[in-house]
Amino acid sequence: MHDIVDREALIVDPPKTLWQRSRRLLLMIGVPLLLLAVGGYFWLTSGRSVSTDNSYVQQDKVSISADVTGRVLSVNVRESQPVKRGDVLFTIDPETFRITLAEREAALASARQQAAQATTNVSGKGADLTGRRDAVNYAQLDFARQASLLKEGFTTRARYQQADLALQQAKSALASAQADLANAQAGVARGPVESQPIVMAARAARDRAALDLRRTSVRAPADGIASQTDKVQPGQIVATGIPTLSLVVSNARWVEANFKETDLEHMRVGQPATVKLDAYPDTPLQGRVLSIGAGTGSEFSVLPAQNATGNWVKVVQRVPVRIAITGKTAVPLLAGLSADVTVDVRDAK
């Protein structure tokens, strides 16, 4: 009887390849090495930068207000219109201010005339004083002559007394002339007519009226973009110091990044930064740290947190860091845009 041979026993396994023989060993060695390499990479590269997505584009904004009160005659700008420094934004009706300027010009001319008259009056009082002094000298000579003649008996006592009375009257007139001159000089300052107080006050009033007339043309204080122009319309009464439209200054842009307080240990002014706007994520901008805030955001809030309470909970604070954009930008930097900011802190000293 033939032996029954197991068919499965007759099947011979093919020889294993080198890869199959070494795969398990490679996995046992390679996986730990890969994990070590990844961990080493993160360990070596950690701490090179800090980042935050709590960042926003900021721009200087100027609230435009009129320096004089009046009715708006015309508005020369529209919403989002670029303007240059000195461009007229809107004008106020100047007629009232022209009339005021004319009145001040007339008052200045009158003041100059009064000052000239006062100067002439001083000159006249001085001449009168000279005459009174000469009269006293003559009266003294006549009195001395009459006294000498009275001793020799060649004149009467009545004539002597008359000379004495004339001398006293001349002295009184001299004193009165001196007082009049001093009074006239007290109202006139030394120097030309233009340096007289009455003229200086009238000229200052004239200059103020001229300044108010020039201020009826409200001009842009800087280069920028006009905004909120609908707040001022022709025919509207604008008051002094009340904000009307706004001007977004075009050459003063930066990014305010609110970093956690734990990210500031190695941050320094001047370190390079990368800014990615949410609106243009594929166009990163280069910048540098311009300044680090003097206090946390909560310290400058309208209602600061009251931490001296029994239910105090520690919260990581945010510190505003200003990032200046360096070089030209290929995308528009609109105020308020969100951004991600990464600061390279490797050169911290």
C-alpha atoms as a PDB file:
ATOM      1  CA  MET A   1       0.000   0.000   0.000  1.00  0.00           C
ATOM      2  CA  HIS A   2       1.316   3.354  -0.994  1.00  0.00           C
ATOM      3  CA  ASP A   3       1.995   5.924   1.615  1.00  0.00           C
ATOM      4  CA  ILE A   4      -0.445   8.776   1.650  1.00  0.00           C
ATOM      5  CA  VAL A   5       1.591  11.954   1.169  1.00  0.00           C
ATOM      6  CA  ASP A   6       0.267  15.229   2.548  1.00  0.00           C
ATOM      7  CA  ARG A   7      -0.058  17.564  -0.381  1.00  0.00           C
ATOM      8  CA  GLU A   8       0.492  20.615   1.827  1.00  0.00           C
ATOM      9  CA  ALA A   9       3.735  19.146   3.050  1.00  0.00           C
ATOM     10  CA  LEU A  10       4.902  18.898  -0.511  1.00  0.00           C
ATOM     11  CA  ILE A  11       4.476  22.682  -0.988  1.00  0.00           C
ATOM     12  CA  VAL A  12       7.877  24.345  -0.520  1.00  0.00           C
ATOM     13  CA  ASP A  13       7.998  28.056   0.596  1.00  0.00           C
ATOM     14  CA  PRO A  14       9.925  30.289  -1.782  1.00  0.00           C
ATOM     15  CA  PRO A  15      13.172  31.683  -0.404  1.00  0.00           C
ATOM     16  CA  LYS A  16      12.851  35.043   1.403  1.00  0.00           C
ATOM     17  CA  THR A  17      14.416  38.140  -0.126  1.00  0.00           C
ATOM     18  CA  LEU A  18      16.915  40.363   1.662  1.00  0.00           C
ATOM     19  CA  TRP A  19      14.259  43.023   2.215  1.00  0.00           C
ATOM     20  CA  GLN A  20      11.875  40.530   3.741  1.00  0.00           C
ATOM     21  CA  ARG A  21      14.567  39.201   6.017  1.00  0.00           C
ATOM     22  CA  SER A  22      15.718  42.669   7.177  1.00  0.00           C
ATOM     23  CA  ARG A  23      12.385  44.550   7.188  1.00  0.00           C
ATOM     24  CA  ARG A  24      11.534  43.828  10.783  1.00  0.00           C
ATOM     25  CA  LEU A  25      15.004  44.807  11.911  1.00  0.00           C
ATOM     26  CA  LEU A  26      14.868  48.029   9.922  1.00  0.00           C
ATOM     27  CA  LEU A  27      11.472  48.921  11.374  1.00  0.00           C
ATOM     28  CA  MET A  28      12.687  48.229  14.878  1.00  0.00           C
ATOM     29  CA  ILE A  29      15.694  50.485  14.378  1.00  0.00           C
ATOM     30  CA  GLY A  30      14.301  53.062  11.887  1.00  0.00           C
ATOM     31  CA  VAL A  31      11.108  54.086  13.694  1.00  0.00           C
ATOM     32  CA  PRO A  32      12.895  55.095  16.916  1.00  0.00           C
ATOM     33  CA  LEU A  33      15.546  56.912  14.875  1.00  0.00           C
ATOM     34  CA  LEU A  34      12.840  58.789  12.944  1.00  0.00           C
ATOM     35  CA  LEU A  35      11.116  59.788  16.138  1.00  0.00           C
ATOM     36  CA  LEU A  36      14.422  60.949  17.576  1.00  0.00           C
ATOM     37  CA  ALA A  37      15.159  62.956  14.435  1.00  0.00           C
ATOM     38  CA  VAL A  38      11.763  64.676  14.475  1.00  0.00           C
ATOM     39  CA  GLY A  39      12.064  65.419  18.174  1.00  0.00           C
ATOM     40  CA  GLY A  40      15.596  66.722  17.706  1.00  0.00           C
ATOM     41  CA  TYR A  41      14.477  68.975  14.889  1.00  0.00           C
ATOM     42  CA  PHE A  42      11.718  70.517  16.982  1.00  0.00           C
ATOM     43  CA  TRP A  43      14.079  70.826  19.930  1.00  0.00           C
ATOM     44  CA  LEU A  44      16.714  72.592  17.841  1.00  0.00           C
ATOM     45  CA  THR A  45      14.288  74.901  16.071  1.00  0.00           C
ATOM     46  CA  SER A  46      12.060  75.726  19.020  1.00  0.00           C
ATOM     47  CA  GLY A  47      12.434  79.214  20.480  1.00  0.00           C
ATOM     48  CA  ARG A  48      13.586  80.793  17.220  1.00  0.00           C
ATOM     49  CA  SER A  49      10.384  82.770  16.721  1.00  0.00           C
ATOM     50  CA  VAL A  50       7.152  83.784  18.380  1.00  0.00           C
ATOM     51  CA  SER A  51       3.909  84.441  16.559  1.00  0.00           C
ATOM     52  CA  THR A  52       0.367  85.623  17.092  1.00  0.00           C
ATOM     53  CA  ASP A  53      -2.759  85.976  14.998  1.00  0.00           C
ATOM     54  CA  ASN A  54      -4.103  88.755  17.248  1.00  0.00           C
ATOM     55  CA  SER A  55      -2.717  91.429  14.931  1.00  0.00           C
ATOM     56  CA  TYR A  56      -4.285  94.249  12.963  1.00  0.00           C
ATOM     57  CA  VAL A  57      -3.181  96.901  10.506  1.00  0.00           C
ATOM     58  CA  GLN A  58      -3.277 100.371  12.041  1.00  0.00           C
ATOM     59  CA  GLN A  59      -3.049 103.842  10.511  1.00  0.00           C
ATOM     60  CA  ASP A  60      -2.951 107.348  11.927  1.00  0.00           C
ATOM     61  CA  LYS A  61      -6.362 108.967  11.641  1.00  0.00           C
ATOM     62  CA  VAL A  62      -6.944 112.710  11.924  1.00  0.00           C
ATOM     63  CA  SER A  63     -10.344 114.141  12.782  1.00  0.00           C
ATOM     64  CA  ILE A  64     -10.782 117.289  10.716  1.00  0.00           C
ATOM     65  CA  SER A  65     -12.565 120.162  12.428  1.00  0.00           C
ATOM     66  CA  ALA A  66     -13.071 123.814  11.542  1.00  0.00           C
ATOM     67  CA  ASP A  67     -11.216 126.553  13.424  1.00  0.00           C
ATOM     68  CA  VAL A  68     -14.077 129.013  12.837  1.00  0.00           C
ATOM     69  CA  THR A  69     -17.846 128.707  13.062  1.00  0.00           C
ATOM     70  CA  GLY A  70     -19.846 129.227   9.895  1.00  0.00           C
ATOM     71  CA  ARG A  71     -21.932 127.778   7.112  1.00  0.00           C
ATOM     72  CA  VAL A  72     -20.321 125.269   4.749  1.00  0.00           C
ATOM     73  CA  LEU A  73     -20.121 126.729   1.257  1.00  0.00           C
ATOM     74  CA  SER A  74     -18.698 123.731  -0.613  1.00  0.00           C
ATOM     75  CA  VAL A  75     -17.165 120.282  -0.053  1.00  0.00           C
ATOM     76  CA  ASN A  76     -14.230 119.558  -2.345  1.00  0.00           C
ATOM     77  CA  VAL A  77     -13.561 115.872  -1.580  1.00  0.00           C
ATOM     78  CA  ARG A  78     -15.500 112.643  -1.865  1.00  0.00           C
ATOM     79  CA  GLU A  79     -15.284 109.402   0.087  1.00  0.00           C
ATOM     80  CA  SER A  80     -11.908 107.565  -0.185  1.00  0.00           C
ATOM     81  CA  GLN A  81     -10.393 110.321  -2.319  1.00  0.00           C
ATOM     82  CA  PRO A  82      -6.590 110.685  -2.007  1.00  0.00           C
ATOM     83  CA  VAL A  83      -5.546 114.184  -0.977  1.00  0.00           C
ATOM     84  CA  LYS A  84      -2.250 115.977  -0.580  1.00  0.00           C
ATOM     85  CA  ARG A  85      -1.176 118.142   2.302  1.00  0.00           C
ATOM     86  CA  GLY A  86      -2.629 121.629   1.842  1.00  0.00           C
ATOM     87  CA  ASP A  87      -5.520 120.576  -0.403  1.00  0.00           C
ATOM     88  CA  VAL A  88      -8.811 122.315   0.430  1.00  0.00           C
ATOM     89  CA  LEU A  89     -11.248 119.809   1.940  1.00  0.00           C
ATOM     90  CA  PHE A  90     -14.213 122.156   2.364  1.00  0.00           C
ATOM     91  CA  THR A  91     -14.842 125.893   2.572  1.00  0.00           C
ATOM     92  CA  ILE A  92     -16.908 128.038   4.930  1.00  0.00           C
ATOM     93  CA  ASP A  93     -18.760 131.136   3.751  1.00  0.00           C
ATOM     94  CA  PRO A  94     -16.108 133.899   4.063  1.00  0.00           C
ATOM     95  CA  GLU A  95     -18.294 137.028   3.711  1.00  0.00           C
ATOM     96  CA  THR A  96     -18.775 137.606   7.441  1.00  0.00           C
ATOM     97  CA  PHE A  97     -15.060 137.221   8.020  1.00  0.00           C
ATOM     98  CA  ARG A  98     -14.227 139.662   5.202  1.00  0.00           C
ATOM     99  CA  ILE A  99     -16.442 142.274   6.847  1.00  0.00           C
ATOM    100  CA  THR A 100     -14.787 141.665  10.216  1.00  0.00           C
ATOM    101  CA  LEU A 101     -11.367 142.042   8.610  1.00  0.00           C
ATOM    102  CA  ALA A 102     -12.399 145.369   7.064  1.00  0.00           C
ATOM    103  CA  GLU A 103     -13.561 146.602  10.485  1.00  0.00           C
ATOM    104  CA  ARG A 104     -10.258 145.598  12.039  1.00  0.00           C
ATOM    105  CA  GLU A 105      -8.344 147.374   9.273  1.00  0.00           C
ATOM    106  CA  ALA A 106     -10.293 150.566  10.000  1.00  0.00           C
ATOM    107  CA  ALA A 107      -9.666 150.178  13.736  1.00  0.00           C
ATOM    108  CA  LEU A 108      -5.948 149.791  13.061  1.00  0.00           C
ATOM    109  CA  ALA A 109      -5.880 152.987  10.972  1.00  0.00           C
ATOM    110  CA  SER A 110      -7.714 154.846  13.751  1.00  0.00           C
ATOM    111  CA  ALA A 111      -5.273 153.526  16.345  1.00  0.00           C
ATOM    112  CA  ARG A 112      -2.333 154.714  14.279  1.00  0.00           C
ATOM    113  CA  GLN A 113      -3.914 158.147  14.017  1.00  0.00           C
ATOM    114  CA  GLN A 114      -4.505 158.298  17.770  1.00  0.00           C
ATOM    115  CA  ALA A 115      -0.930 157.212  18.438  1.00  0.00           C
ATOM    116  CA  ALA A 116       0.384 159.889  16.082  1.00  0.00           C
ATOM    117  CA  GLN A 117      -1.776 162.525  17.805  1.00  0.00           C
ATOM    118  CA  ALA A 118      -0.545 161.377  21.220  1.00  0.00           C
ATOM    119  CA  THR A 119       3.074 161.613  20.037  1.00  0.00           C
ATOM    120  CA  THR A 120       2.425 165.112  18.686  1.00  0.00           C
ATOM    121  CA  ASN A 121       0.761 166.075  21.962  1.00  0.00           C
ATOM    122  CA  VAL A 122       3.880 164.999  23.866  1.00  0.00           C
ATOM    123  CA  SER A 123       6.005 167.178  21.590  1.00  0.00           C
ATOM    124  CA  GLY A 124       3.659 170.111  22.206  1.00  0.00           C
ATOM    125  CA  LYS A 125       3.764 169.598  25.971  1.00  0.00           C
ATOM    126  CA  GLY A 126       7.544 169.555  25.797  1.00  0.00           C
ATOM    127  CA  ALA A 127       7.623 172.850  23.938  1.00  0.00           C
ATOM    128  CA  ASP A 128       5.188 174.367  26.458  1.00  0.00           C
ATOM    129  CA  LEU A 129       7.423 173.190  29.300  1.00  0.00           C
ATOM    130  CA  THR A 130      10.393 174.910  27.700  1.00  0.00           C
ATOM    131  CA  GLY A 131       8.412 178.150  27.473  1.00  0.00           C
ATOM    132  CA  ARG A 132       7.352 177.896  31.105  1.00  0.00           C
ATOM    133  CA  ARG A 133      10.937 177.324  32.174  1.00  0.00           C
ATOM    134  CA  ASP A 134      12.048 180.428  30.264  1.00  0.00           C
ATOM    135  CA  ALA A 135       9.263 182.403  31.929  1.00  0.00           C
ATOM    136  CA  VAL A 136      10.500 181.326  35.362  1.00  0.00           C
ATOM    137  CA  ASN A 137      14.045 182.391  34.483  1.00  0.00           C
ATOM    138  CA  TYR A 138      12.821 185.822  33.362  1.00  0.00           C
ATOM    139  CA  ALA A 139      10.660 186.219  36.495  1.00  0.00           C
ATOM    140  CA  GLN A 140      13.638 185.333  38.709  1.00  0.00           C
ATOM    141  CA  LEU A 141      15.817 187.951  36.990  1.00  0.00           C
ATOM    142  CA  ASP A 142      13.094 190.595  37.313  1.00  0.00           C
ATOM    143  CA  PHE A 143      12.559 189.746  40.992  1.00  0.00           C
ATOM    144  CA  ALA A 144      16.290 189.986  41.703  1.00  0.00           C
ATOM    145  CA  ARG A 145      16.491 193.338  39.904  1.00  0.00           C
ATOM    146  CA  GLN A 146      13.516 194.753  41.846  1.00  0.00           C
ATOM    147  CA  ALA A 147      14.995 193.556  45.136  1.00  0.00           C
ATOM    148  CA  SER A 148      18.290 195.337  44.357  1.00  0.00           C
ATOM    149  CA  LEU A 149      16.484 198.537  43.366  1.00  0.00           C
ATOM    150  CA  LEU A 150      14.361 198.428  46.527  1.00  0.00           C
ATOM    151  CA  LYS A 151      17.498 198.344  48.702  1.00  0.00           C
ATOM    152  CA  GLU A 152      18.843 201.426  46.912  1.00  0.00           C
ATOM    153  CA  GLY A 153      15.480 203.159  47.040  1.00  0.00           C
ATOM    154  CA  PHE A 154      14.953 203.378  43.305  1.00  0.00           C
ATOM    155  CA  THR A 155      11.695 201.363  43.215  1.00  0.00           C
ATOM    156  CA  THR A 156       8.560 200.934  45.221  1.00  0.00           C
ATOM    157  CA  ARG A 157       7.598 198.074  47.472  1.00  0.00           C
ATOM    158  CA  ALA A 158       4.497 197.514  45.342  1.00  0.00           C
ATOM    159  CA  ARG A 159       6.659 196.952  42.278  1.00  0.00           C
ATOM    160  CA  TYR A 160       8.848 194.549  44.289  1.00  0.00           C
ATOM    161  CA  GLN A 161       5.806 192.575  45.447  1.00  0.00           C
ATOM    162  CA  GLN A 162       4.488 192.485  41.881  1.00  0.00           C
ATOM    163  CA  ALA A 163       7.751 190.901  40.680  1.00  0.00           C
ATOM    164  CA  ASP A 164       7.599 188.393  43.538  1.00  0.00           C
ATOM    165  CA  LEU A 165       4.021 187.435  42.578  1.00  0.00           C
ATOM    166  CA  ALA A 166       5.010 187.040  38.925  1.00  0.00           C
ATOM    167  CA  LEU A 167       7.839 184.678  39.932  1.00  0.00           C
ATOM    168  CA  GLN A 168       5.506 182.510  42.018  1.00  0.00           C
ATOM    169  CA  GLN A 169       2.973 182.368  39.186  1.00  0.00           C
ATOM    170  CA  ALA A 170       5.701 181.377  36.695  1.00  0.00           C
ATOM    171  CA  LYS A 171       6.866 178.584  39.002  1.00  0.00           C
ATOM    172  CA  SER A 172       3.279 177.309  39.361  1.00  0.00           C
ATOM    173  CA  ALA A 173       2.845 177.352  35.590  1.00  0.00           C
ATOM    174  CA  LEU A 174       6.117 175.427  35.220  1.00  0.00           C
ATOM    175  CA  ALA A 175       4.965 172.757  37.658  1.00  0.00           C
ATOM    176  CA  SER A 176       1.654 172.450  35.812  1.00  0.00           C
ATOM    177  CA  ALA A 177       3.481 172.104  32.484  1.00  0.00           C
ATOM    178  CA  GLN A 178       5.712 169.398  33.931  1.00  0.00           C
ATOM    179  CA  ALA A 179       2.661 167.477  35.155  1.00  0.00           C
ATOM    180  CA  ASP A 180       0.975 167.792  31.759  1.00  0.00           C
ATOM    181  CA  LEU A 181       4.098 166.505  30.015  1.00  0.00           C
ATOM    182  CA  ALA A 182       4.403 163.547  32.390  1.00  0.00           C
ATOM    183  CA  ASN A 183       0.732 162.713  31.843  1.00  0.00           C
ATOM    184  CA  ALA A 184       1.125 162.865  28.084  1.00  0.00           C
ATOM    185  CA  GLN A 185       4.275 160.731  28.178  1.00  0.00           C
ATOM    186  CA  ALA A 186       2.541 158.100  30.323  1.00  0.00           C
ATOM    187  CA  GLY A 187       0.093 157.384  27.499  1.00  0.00           C
ATOM    188  CA  VAL A 188       2.791 157.096  24.839  1.00  0.00           C
ATOM    189  CA  ALA A 189       5.563 154.501  24.711  1.00  0.00           C
ATOM    190  CA  ARG A 190       8.991 155.368  23.461  1.00  0.00           C
ATOM    191  CA  GLY A 191       9.625 154.520  19.848  1.00  0.00           C
ATOM    192  CA  PRO A 192       7.760 154.830  16.547  1.00  0.00           C
ATOM    193  CA  VAL A 193       4.006 154.838  16.082  1.00  0.00           C
ATOM    194  CA  GLU A 194       3.902 151.099  15.251  1.00  0.00           C
ATOM    195  CA  SER A 195       5.319 150.244  18.682  1.00  0.00           C
ATOM    196  CA  GLN A 196       2.560 152.061  20.565  1.00  0.00           C
ATOM    197  CA  PRO A 197       0.327 149.736  22.653  1.00  0.00           C
ATOM    198  CA  ILE A 198      -2.898 150.941  21.050  1.00  0.00           C
ATOM    199  CA  VAL A 199      -1.486 150.231  17.596  1.00  0.00           C
ATOM    200  CA  MET A 200      -0.117 146.824  18.596  1.00  0.00           C
ATOM    201  CA  ALA A 201      -3.494 145.762  20.021  1.00  0.00           C
ATOM    202  CA  ALA A 202      -5.343 146.912  16.902  1.00  0.00           C
ATOM    203  CA  ARG A 203      -2.815 145.143  14.654  1.00  0.00           C
ATOM    204  CA  ALA A 204      -3.209 141.909  16.626  1.00  0.00           C
ATOM    205  CA  ALA A 205      -6.993 142.122  16.196  1.00  0.00           C
ATOM    206  CA  ARG A 206      -6.506 142.709  12.462  1.00  0.00           C
ATOM    207  CA  ASP A 207      -4.162 139.720  12.180  1.00  0.00           C
ATOM    208  CA  ARG A 208      -6.658 137.524  14.034  1.00  0.00           C
ATOM    209  CA  ALA A 209      -9.418 138.579  11.640  1.00  0.00           C
ATOM    210  CA  ALA A 210      -7.155 137.819   8.666  1.00  0.00           C
ATOM    211  CA  LEU A 211      -6.330 134.413  10.157  1.00  0.00           C
ATOM    212  CA  ASP A 212     -10.026 133.618  10.632  1.00  0.00           C
ATOM    213  CA  LEU A 213     -10.632 134.538   7.003  1.00  0.00           C
ATOM    214  CA  ARG A 214      -7.886 132.163   5.843  1.00  0.00           C
ATOM    215  CA  ARG A 215      -9.307 129.428   8.052  1.00  0.00           C
ATOM    216  CA  THR A 216     -12.567 129.464   6.127  1.00  0.00           C
ATOM    217  CA  SER A 217     -10.690 127.144   3.736  1.00  0.00           C
ATOM    218  CA  VAL A 218     -10.187 123.923   5.711  1.00  0.00           C
ATOM    219  CA  ARG A 219      -7.096 122.178   4.351  1.00  0.00           C
ATOM    220  CA  ALA A 220      -5.615 118.694   4.717  1.00  0.00           C
ATOM    221  CA  PRO A 221      -2.875 118.616   7.386  1.00  0.00           C
ATOM    222  CA  ALA A 222      -1.096 115.674   5.718  1.00  0.00           C
ATOM    223  CA  ASP A 223      -1.170 113.335   2.743  1.00  0.00           C
ATOM    224  CA  GLY A 224      -3.885 110.736   3.093  1.00  0.00           C
ATOM    225  CA  ILE A 225      -7.311 109.475   2.126  1.00  0.00           C
ATOM    226  CA  ALA A 226     -10.489 111.373   2.952  1.00  0.00           C
ATOM    227  CA  SER A 227     -13.074 109.401   4.911  1.00  0.00           C
ATOM    228  CA  GLN A 228     -16.545 110.026   6.370  1.00  0.00           C
ATOM    229  CA  THR A 229     -17.041 112.912   3.987  1.00  0.00           C
ATOM    230  CA  ASP A 230     -20.811 112.483   4.196  1.00  0.00           C
ATOM    231  CA  LYS A 231     -20.722 114.014   7.685  1.00  0.00           C
ATOM    232  CA  VAL A 232     -20.291 117.510   6.204  1.00  0.00           C
ATOM    233  CA  GLN A 233     -22.621 118.903   3.550  1.00  0.00           C
ATOM    234  CA  PRO A 234     -23.021 122.307   1.841  1.00  0.00           C
ATOM    235  CA  GLY A 235     -25.304 124.555   3.854  1.00  0.00           C
ATOM    236  CA  GLN A 236     -24.471 122.847   7.137  1.00  0.00           C
ATOM    237  CA  ILE A 237     -23.334 124.947  10.101  1.00  0.00           C
ATOM    238  CA  VAL A 238     -20.024 123.723  11.490  1.00  0.00           C
ATOM    239  CA  ALA A 239     -18.770 124.799  14.913  1.00  0.00           C
ATOM    240  CA  THR A 240     -15.241 125.398  16.060  1.00  0.00           C
ATOM    241  CA  GLY A 241     -13.531 122.206  17.264  1.00  0.00           C
ATOM    242  CA  ILE A 242     -16.391 119.841  16.363  1.00  0.00           C
ATOM    243  CA  PRO A 243     -15.041 116.899  14.256  1.00  0.00           C
ATOM    244  CA  THR A 244     -16.437 116.637  10.743  1.00  0.00           C
ATOM    245  CA  LEU A 245     -14.735 114.324   8.248  1.00  0.00           C
ATOM    246  CA  SER A 246     -11.656 112.160   8.895  1.00  0.00           C
ATOM    247  CA  LEU A 247      -8.313 111.808   7.166  1.00  0.00           C
ATOM    248  CA  VAL A 248      -6.436 108.498   7.111  1.00  0.00           C
ATOM    249  CA  VAL A 249      -2.744 109.385   6.901  1.00  0.00           C
ATOM    250  CA  SER A 250      -1.205 107.404   4.069  1.00  0.00           C
ATOM    251  CA  ASN A 251       2.458 107.416   5.130  1.00  0.00           C
ATOM    252  CA  ALA A 252       1.867 106.213   8.704  1.00  0.00           C
ATOM    253  CA  ARG A 253       0.988 102.505   8.629  1.00  0.00           C
ATOM    254  CA  TRP A 254       1.983  99.780  11.027  1.00  0.00           C
ATOM    255  CA  VAL A 255       0.755  96.463  12.414  1.00  0.00           C
ATOM    256  CA  GLU A 256      -0.203  96.198  16.063  1.00  0.00           C
ATOM    257  CA  ALA A 257       0.461  92.638  17.222  1.00  0.00           C
ATOM    258  CA  ASN A 258      -0.868  91.677  20.646  1.00  0.00           C
ATOM    259  CA  PHE A 259       1.612  89.081  21.926  1.00  0.00           C
ATOM    260  CA  LYS A 260       1.188  87.026  25.057  1.00  0.00           C
ATOM    261  CA  GLU A 261       3.303  88.207  27.949  1.00  0.00           C
ATOM    262  CA  THR A 262       5.070  84.835  27.928  1.00  0.00           C
ATOM    263  CA  ASP A 263       6.352  85.544  24.383  1.00  0.00           C
ATOM    264  CA  LEU A 264       8.263  88.703  25.289  1.00  0.00           C
ATOM    265  CA  GLU A 265      11.281  87.194  27.055  1.00  0.00           C
ATOM    266  CA  HIS A 266      13.533  87.264  23.999  1.00  0.00           C
ATOM    267  CA  MET A 267      11.776  89.946  21.972  1.00  0.00           C
ATOM    268  CA  ARG A 268      13.762  93.119  21.275  1.00  0.00           C
ATOM    269  CA  VAL A 269      13.226  96.294  19.262  1.00  0.00           C
ATOM    270  CA  GLY A 270      14.649  95.959  15.740  1.00  0.00           C
ATOM    271  CA  GLN A 271      14.138  92.203  15.340  1.00  0.00           C
ATOM    272  CA  PRO A 272      12.828  91.099  11.925  1.00  0.00           C
ATOM    273  CA  ALA A 273       9.205  90.103  11.554  1.00  0.00           C
ATOM    274  CA  THR A 274       7.004  88.505   8.906  1.00  0.00           C
ATOM    275  CA  VAL A 275       3.447  89.720   8.426  1.00  0.00           C
ATOM    276  CA  LYS A 276       0.779  87.707   6.597  1.00  0.00           C
ATOM    277  CA  LEU A 277      -2.484  89.492   6.020  1.00  0.00           C
ATOM    278  CA  ASP A 278      -5.616  87.363   6.112  1.00  0.00           C
ATOM    279  CA  ALA A 279      -6.812  89.190   3.002  1.00  0.00           C
ATOM    280  CA  TYR A 280      -3.571  88.390   1.106  1.00  0.00           C
ATOM    281  CA  PRO A 281      -2.116  85.209   2.665  1.00  0.00           C
ATOM    282  CA  ASP A 282       0.141  84.488  -0.322  1.00  0.00           C
ATOM    283  CA  THR A 283       1.881  87.861  -0.131  1.00  0.00           C
ATOM    284  CA  PRO A 284       3.897  88.042   3.092  1.00  0.00           C
ATOM    285  CA  LEU A 285       5.290  91.394   4.162  1.00  0.00           C
ATOM    286  CA  GLN A 286       8.588  92.033   5.850  1.00  0.00           C
ATOM    287  CA  GLY A 287       8.864  94.271   8.886  1.00  0.00           C
ATOM    288  CA  ARG A 288      10.681  94.857  12.131  1.00  0.00           C
ATOM    289  CA  VAL A 289       9.764  95.390  15.756  1.00  0.00           C
ATOM    290  CA  LEU A 290       9.341  99.152  16.166  1.00  0.00           C
ATOM    291  CA  SER A 291       8.322  99.278  19.820  1.00  0.00           C
ATOM    292  CA  ILE A 292       7.048  97.135  22.655  1.00  0.00           C
ATOM    293  CA  GLY A 293       4.086  98.497  24.577  1.00  0.00           C
ATOM    294  CA  ALA A 294       4.594 100.170  27.951  1.00  0.00           C
ATOM    295  CA  GLY A 295       1.673  98.263  29.429  1.00  0.00           C
ATOM    296  CA  THR A 296      -0.782  95.493  28.754  1.00  0.00           C
ATOM    297  CA  GLY A 297      -4.011  96.090  26.912  1.00  0.00           C
ATOM    298  CA  SER A 298      -6.062  95.705  30.070  1.00  0.00           C
ATOM    299  CA  GLU A 299      -4.133  98.490  31.777  1.00  0.00           C
ATOM    300  CA  PHE A 300      -5.246 101.005  29.138  1.00  0.00           C
ATOM    301  CA  SER A 301      -8.815  99.768  28.834  1.00  0.00           C
ATOM    302  CA  VAL A 302     -11.742 101.945  29.843  1.00  0.00           C
ATOM    303  CA  LEU A 303     -12.616  99.553  32.681  1.00  0.00           C
ATOM    304  CA  PRO A 304      -9.402  97.911  33.963  1.00  0.00           C
ATOM    305  CA  ALA A 305      -9.734  94.513  35.618  1.00  0.00           C
ATOM    306  CA  GLN A 306     -10.055  94.585  39.401  1.00  0.00           C
ATOM    307  CA  ASN A 307      -7.708  91.760  40.379  1.00  0.00           C
ATOM    308  CA  ALA A 308      -7.757  92.535  44.114  1.00  0.00           C
ATOM    309  CA  THR A 309     -10.830  90.396  44.666  1.00  0.00           C
ATOM    310  CA  GLY A 310     -11.533  87.031  46.220  1.00  0.00           C
ATOM    311  CA  ASN A 311     -12.550  85.400  42.929  1.00  0.00           C
ATOM    312  CA  TRP A 312      -9.361  86.331  41.094  1.00  0.00           C
ATOM    313  CA  VAL A 313      -8.416  84.131  38.134  1.00  0.00           C
ATOM    314  CA  LYS A 314      -5.044  84.502  36.469  1.00  0.00           C
ATOM    315  CA  VAL A 315      -5.290  85.288  32.768  1.00  0.00           C
ATOM    316  CA  VAL A 316      -2.357  85.549  30.382  1.00  0.00           C
ATOM    317  CA  GLN A 317      -2.097  89.222  29.427  1.00  0.00           C
ATOM    318  CA  ARG A 318      -1.494  90.645  25.981  1.00  0.00           C
ATOM    319  CA  VAL A 319       1.083  93.350  25.260  1.00  0.00           C
ATOM    320  CA  PRO A 320       0.792  95.469  22.089  1.00  0.00           C
ATOM    321  CA  VAL A 321       3.893  95.308  19.910  1.00  0.00           C
ATOM    322  CA  ARG A 322       4.172  97.725  16.995  1.00  0.00           C
ATOM    323  CA  ILE A 323       5.556  96.228  13.779  1.00  0.00           C
ATOM    324  CA  ALA A 324       6.842  98.629  11.145  1.00  0.00           C
ATOM    325  CA  ILE A 325       6.495  97.508   7.517  1.00  0.00           C
ATOM    326  CA  THR A 326       9.820  97.793   5.717  1.00  0.00           C
ATOM    327  CA  GLY A 327      10.095  98.378   1.995  1.00  0.00           C
ATOM    328  CA  LYS A 328       7.336  98.749  -0.541  1.00  0.00           C
ATOM    329  CA  THR A 329       4.114  96.780  -0.246  1.00  0.00           C
ATOM    330  CA  ALA A 330       2.500  95.048  -3.201  1.00  0.00           C
ATOM    331  CA  VAL A 331      -0.916  94.945  -1.525  1.00  0.00           C
ATOM    332  CA  PRO A 332      -3.006  97.769  -0.044  1.00  0.00           C
ATOM    333  CA  LEU A 333      -2.702  98.116   3.714  1.00  0.00           C
ATOM    334  CA  LEU A 334      -6.212  98.958   4.829  1.00  0.00           C
ATOM    335  CA  ALA A 335      -6.744  99.989   8.412  1.00  0.00           C
ATOM    336  CA  GLY A 336      -8.210  97.187  10.501  1.00  0.00           C
ATOM    337  CA  LEU A 337      -7.109  94.204   8.377  1.00  0.00           C
ATOM    338  CA  SER A 338      -6.295  91.064  10.373  1.00  0.00           C
ATOM    339  CA  ALA A 339      -2.821  89.562  10.167  1.00  0.00           C
ATOM    340  CA  ASP A 340      -0.518  86.841  11.467  1.00  0.00           C
ATOM    341  CA  VAL A 341       2.806  88.147  12.761  1.00  0.00           C
ATOM    342  CA  THR A 342       5.930  86.073  13.372  1.00  0.00           C
ATOM    343  CA  VAL A 343       8.964  87.675  15.032  1.00  0.00           C
ATOM    344  CA  ASP A 344      12.423  86.131  14.715  1.00  0.00           C
ATOM    345  CA  VAL A 345      13.932  86.288  18.204  1.00  0.00           C
ATOM    346  CA  ARG A 346      17.158  84.366  17.601  1.00  0.00           C
ATOM    347  CA  ASP A 347      19.335  87.492  17.895  1.00  0.00           C
ATOM    348  CA  ALA A 348      18.076  88.373  21.373  1.00  0.00           C
ATOM    349  CA  LYS A 349      20.832  89.761  23.591  1.00  0.00           C
END
